[in-house]
Amino acid sequence: MSSIETVKPRREISPLLKMVLELGPLVVFFFANSRGEWLATQFPSLTELGGPIFIATGLFMAATAIALTVSWLLTRTLPMMPLISGVVVLIFGALTLYLQNDTFIKMKPTIVNTLFGAILLGGLLFGKSLLGYVFHAAFKLDEAGWRKLTIRWGVFFLFLAVLNEVVWRNFSTDVWVAFKVWGTMPITVLFTLSQMPVIMKHSLEQDTSA
């Protein structure tokens, strides 16, 4: 038996499949909440979960677990952010169903985004631009670039946490679910695109090609 082990390269999945795995559970959550009564008539066992928001929570948890499992089977790895988010979904979803209180699932985005924001900004206090560890495979930036992006994403995550609190505390459950699916994602995409000038300015690939 050879003492040298062959290191298998990390398997990547297509961007389309990655998007489906990330957005699929949210779409399931939205559909199940809006069609909860219909689903209950088609699958009577779902009535044991409660009303539409509780049916949606249960299916959201199942879809999240499936997405994480498929991602693991295809890549043999789980990105840290989806993993943390998935764990919080399962914990707060279980509390929502057990206590029949939708406050827990509504607070899930607040908890996750606050956690991400605190980790990113807290890392800077110790001289660590932690965002670089997450996206190092996608971008090669200098230290100043990673620091700028880390600050901006840290603040953005805290903004999303506050925004979630405002929406769920002041609007109906249906409005909150719709905003969670169709509002948060476009805002995140626009913010991501707005960071491209920083990425281009501090890209090390630009420096090496010059």
Protein backbone atom coordinates (compact mmCIF):
# COMPACT_ATOMS: atom_id res chain seq x y z
CA MET A 1 0.00 0.00 0.00
CA SER A 2 1.43 3.33 -1.07
CA SER A 3 2.17 5.83 1.67
CA ILE A 4 1.22 8.68 -0.65
CA GLU A 5 -2.50 9.32 -0.79
CA THR A 6 -4.06 10.75 -3.89
CA VAL A 7 -5.88 13.97 -3.09
CA LYS A 8 -9.13 14.11 -4.99
CA PRO A 9 -9.95 17.53 -6.42
CA ARG A 10 -13.01 19.21 -5.06
CA ARG A 11 -16.01 18.48 -7.26
CA GLU A 12 -17.94 21.49 -8.48
CA ILE A 13 -21.59 21.67 -9.53
CA SER A 14 -23.08 23.80 -12.27
CA PRO A 15 -24.16 27.35 -11.34
CA LEU A 16 -27.75 26.50 -12.34
CA LEU A 17 -27.92 23.48 -10.03
CA LYS A 18 -26.28 25.47 -7.25
CA MET A 19 -28.94 28.16 -7.61
CA VAL A 20 -31.70 25.54 -7.53
CA LEU A 21 -30.28 24.02 -4.34
CA GLU A 22 -30.03 27.44 -2.68
CA LEU A 23 -33.37 28.90 -3.83
CA GLY A 24 -35.41 25.70 -4.00
CA PRO A 25 -36.25 25.56 -0.28
CA LEU A 26 -37.36 29.21 -0.32
CA VAL A 27 -39.66 28.59 -3.30
CA VAL A 28 -41.10 25.56 -1.50
CA PHE A 29 -41.66 27.73 1.58
CA PHE A 30 -43.50 30.42 -0.43
CA PHE A 31 -45.64 27.91 -2.36
CA ALA A 32 -46.56 25.91 0.73
CA ASN A 33 -47.58 29.03 2.65
CA SER A 34 -49.71 30.40 -0.19
CA ARG A 35 -51.30 27.02 -0.97
CA GLY A 36 -51.28 25.55 2.50
CA GLU A 37 -55.01 24.79 2.62
CA TRP A 38 -54.89 23.09 -0.78
CA LEU A 39 -51.89 21.00 0.27
CA ALA A 40 -53.75 19.98 3.43
CA THR A 41 -56.66 18.68 1.36
CA GLN A 42 -54.32 16.77 -0.96
CA PHE A 43 -52.17 15.41 1.87
CA PRO A 44 -54.34 15.23 5.04
CA SER A 45 -51.38 14.20 7.17
CA LEU A 46 -50.00 17.74 6.78
CA THR A 47 -52.88 19.08 8.88
CA GLU A 48 -51.10 17.66 11.91
CA LEU A 49 -48.49 20.39 11.47
CA GLY A 50 -51.05 23.17 11.83
CA GLY A 51 -52.05 26.06 9.55
CA PRO A 52 -50.39 27.13 6.26
CA ILE A 53 -47.35 28.79 7.85
CA PHE A 54 -46.64 25.62 9.86
CA ILE A 55 -47.09 23.39 6.82
CA ALA A 56 -44.73 25.72 4.96
CA THR A 57 -42.23 25.53 7.82
CA GLY A 58 -42.26 21.74 7.85
CA LEU A 59 -41.77 21.51 4.08
CA PHE A 60 -39.10 24.23 4.25
CA MET A 61 -37.17 22.15 6.76
CA ALA A 62 -37.49 19.03 4.59
CA ALA A 63 -36.44 20.91 1.43
CA THR A 64 -33.45 22.44 3.25
CA ALA A 65 -32.30 19.03 4.49
CA ILE A 66 -32.68 17.57 0.99
CA ALA A 67 -30.74 20.46 -0.59
CA LEU A 68 -27.88 20.09 1.88
CA THR A 69 -27.81 16.32 1.36
CA VAL A 70 -27.73 16.62 -2.44
CA SER A 71 -25.00 19.25 -2.22
CA TRP A 72 -22.93 16.95 -0.01
CA LEU A 73 -23.43 13.94 -2.27
CA LEU A 74 -22.37 15.91 -5.33
CA THR A 75 -19.41 17.82 -3.90
CA ARG A 76 -18.50 15.94 -0.70
CA THR A 77 -18.37 19.29 1.07
CA LEU A 78 -20.80 21.82 2.53
CA PRO A 79 -20.13 25.58 2.32
CA MET A 80 -20.09 27.13 5.77
CA MET A 81 -22.81 29.76 5.20
CA PRO A 82 -25.49 27.40 3.77
CA LEU A 83 -24.63 24.88 6.49
CA ILE A 84 -25.09 27.39 9.32
CA SER A 85 -28.28 28.70 7.74
CA GLY A 86 -29.60 25.15 7.34
CA VAL A 87 -28.88 24.25 10.96
CA VAL A 88 -30.73 27.37 12.15
CA VAL A 89 -33.66 26.53 9.85
CA LEU A 90 -33.94 23.07 11.39
CA ILE A 91 -33.64 24.31 14.98
CA PHE A 92 -36.01 27.27 14.69
CA GLY A 93 -38.35 25.33 12.42
CA ALA A 94 -38.61 22.57 15.03
CA LEU A 95 -39.38 25.18 17.72
CA THR A 96 -42.01 26.74 15.45
CA LEU A 97 -43.79 23.42 14.95
CA TYR A 98 -43.44 22.17 18.52
CA LEU A 99 -44.65 25.38 20.13
CA GLN A 100 -47.04 26.29 17.28
CA ASN A 101 -45.52 29.77 17.28
CA ASP A 102 -44.37 31.20 13.95
CA THR A 103 -42.25 33.84 15.69
CA PHE A 104 -39.32 31.43 15.72
CA ILE A 105 -39.21 30.82 11.95
CA LYS A 106 -39.73 34.54 11.35
CA MET A 107 -36.70 35.35 13.52
CA LYS A 108 -34.50 32.83 11.71
CA PRO A 109 -33.26 35.36 9.07
CA THR A 110 -32.56 37.87 11.85
CA ILE A 111 -30.46 35.36 13.78
CA VAL A 112 -28.55 34.08 10.74
CA ASN A 113 -27.79 37.51 9.26
CA THR A 114 -26.78 38.95 12.63
CA LEU A 115 -24.49 35.97 13.16
CA PHE A 116 -22.85 36.36 9.75
CA GLY A 117 -22.47 40.12 10.19
CA ALA A 118 -20.99 39.74 13.67
CA ILE A 119 -18.55 37.05 12.52
CA LEU A 120 -17.31 39.10 9.56
CA LEU A 121 -16.94 42.38 11.45
CA GLY A 122 -15.63 40.63 14.55
CA GLY A 123 -12.96 38.91 12.49
CA LEU A 124 -11.62 42.29 11.41
CA LEU A 125 -10.94 43.13 15.06
CA PHE A 126 -8.43 40.28 15.01
CA GLY A 127 -7.00 41.30 11.66
CA LYS A 128 -8.82 38.56 9.73
CA SER A 129 -10.81 39.28 6.57
CA LEU A 130 -12.91 36.15 6.90
CA LEU A 131 -14.78 36.74 3.65
CA GLY A 132 -11.57 35.78 1.86
CA TYR A 133 -11.80 32.28 3.30
CA VAL A 134 -15.30 31.90 1.86
CA PHE A 135 -14.75 33.29 -1.64
CA HIS A 136 -11.03 32.64 -2.17
CA ALA A 137 -11.84 30.09 -4.87
CA ALA A 138 -13.94 32.59 -6.82
CA PHE A 139 -11.86 35.75 -6.45
CA LYS A 140 -8.20 36.56 -5.92
CA LEU A 141 -8.01 39.94 -4.21
CA ASP A 142 -5.36 41.86 -2.35
CA GLU A 143 -5.65 42.40 1.40
CA ALA A 144 -7.26 45.83 1.05
CA GLY A 145 -9.89 44.43 -1.29
CA TRP A 146 -10.87 41.62 1.07
CA ARG A 147 -11.03 44.06 3.97
CA LYS A 148 -13.37 46.41 2.09
CA LEU A 149 -15.64 43.56 1.01
CA THR A 150 -15.67 42.08 4.49
CA ILE A 151 -16.77 45.40 6.01
CA ARG A 152 -19.44 45.94 3.37
CA TRP A 153 -20.85 42.41 3.61
CA GLY A 154 -20.76 42.54 7.40
CA VAL A 155 -22.80 45.75 7.43
CA PHE A 156 -25.10 44.39 4.72
CA PHE A 157 -25.89 41.27 6.75
CA LEU A 158 -26.77 43.46 9.74
CA PHE A 159 -28.97 45.57 7.46
CA LEU A 160 -30.82 42.43 6.33
CA ALA A 161 -31.31 41.44 9.97
CA VAL A 162 -32.88 44.81 10.82
CA LEU A 163 -34.97 44.75 7.63
CA ASN A 164 -36.36 41.31 8.50
CA GLU A 165 -37.33 42.53 11.96
CA VAL A 166 -39.15 45.53 10.48
CA VAL A 167 -41.08 43.44 7.96
CA TRP A 168 -42.22 40.57 10.18
CA ARG A 169 -43.14 42.80 13.10
CA ASN A 170 -45.17 45.28 11.04
CA PHE A 171 -46.76 43.24 8.25
CA SER A 172 -48.78 40.07 7.85
CA THR A 173 -47.25 36.61 7.64
CA ASP A 174 -48.07 36.39 3.92
CA VAL A 175 -46.31 39.68 3.25
CA TRP A 176 -43.28 38.54 5.24
CA VAL A 177 -43.06 35.22 3.36
CA ALA A 178 -43.36 36.99 0.00
CA PHE A 179 -40.69 39.50 0.99
CA LYS A 180 -38.39 36.75 2.27
CA VAL A 181 -38.52 35.02 -1.12
CA TRP A 182 -39.03 37.80 -3.66
CA GLY A 183 -37.58 40.78 -1.80
CA THR A 184 -34.47 39.67 0.02
CA MET A 185 -32.96 37.81 -2.93
CA PRO A 186 -33.16 40.73 -5.45
CA ILE A 187 -31.73 43.08 -2.81
CA THR A 188 -28.84 40.67 -2.24
CA VAL A 189 -28.21 40.28 -5.98
CA LEU A 190 -28.16 44.05 -6.50
CA PHE A 191 -25.79 44.50 -3.56
CA THR A 192 -23.50 41.78 -4.91
CA LEU A 193 -23.38 43.41 -8.34
CA SER A 194 -22.65 46.79 -6.75
CA GLN A 195 -19.44 45.31 -5.29
CA MET A 196 -17.97 44.43 -8.69
CA PRO A 197 -16.00 47.71 -8.97
CA VAL A 198 -14.17 46.87 -5.71
CA ILE A 199 -13.50 43.33 -6.91
CA MET A 200 -12.14 44.55 -10.25
CA LYS A 201 -10.02 47.27 -8.64
CA HIS A 202 -8.35 44.92 -6.15
CA SER A 203 -8.17 41.81 -8.30
CA LEU A 204 -4.73 40.17 -8.21
CA GLU A 205 -5.41 38.56 -11.56
CA GLN A 206 -5.45 42.03 -13.12
CA ASP A 207 -2.08 42.76 -11.54
CA THR A 208 -0.50 39.54 -12.82
CA SER A 209 -1.76 40.05 -16.34
CA ALA A 210 -0.47 43.60 -16.56
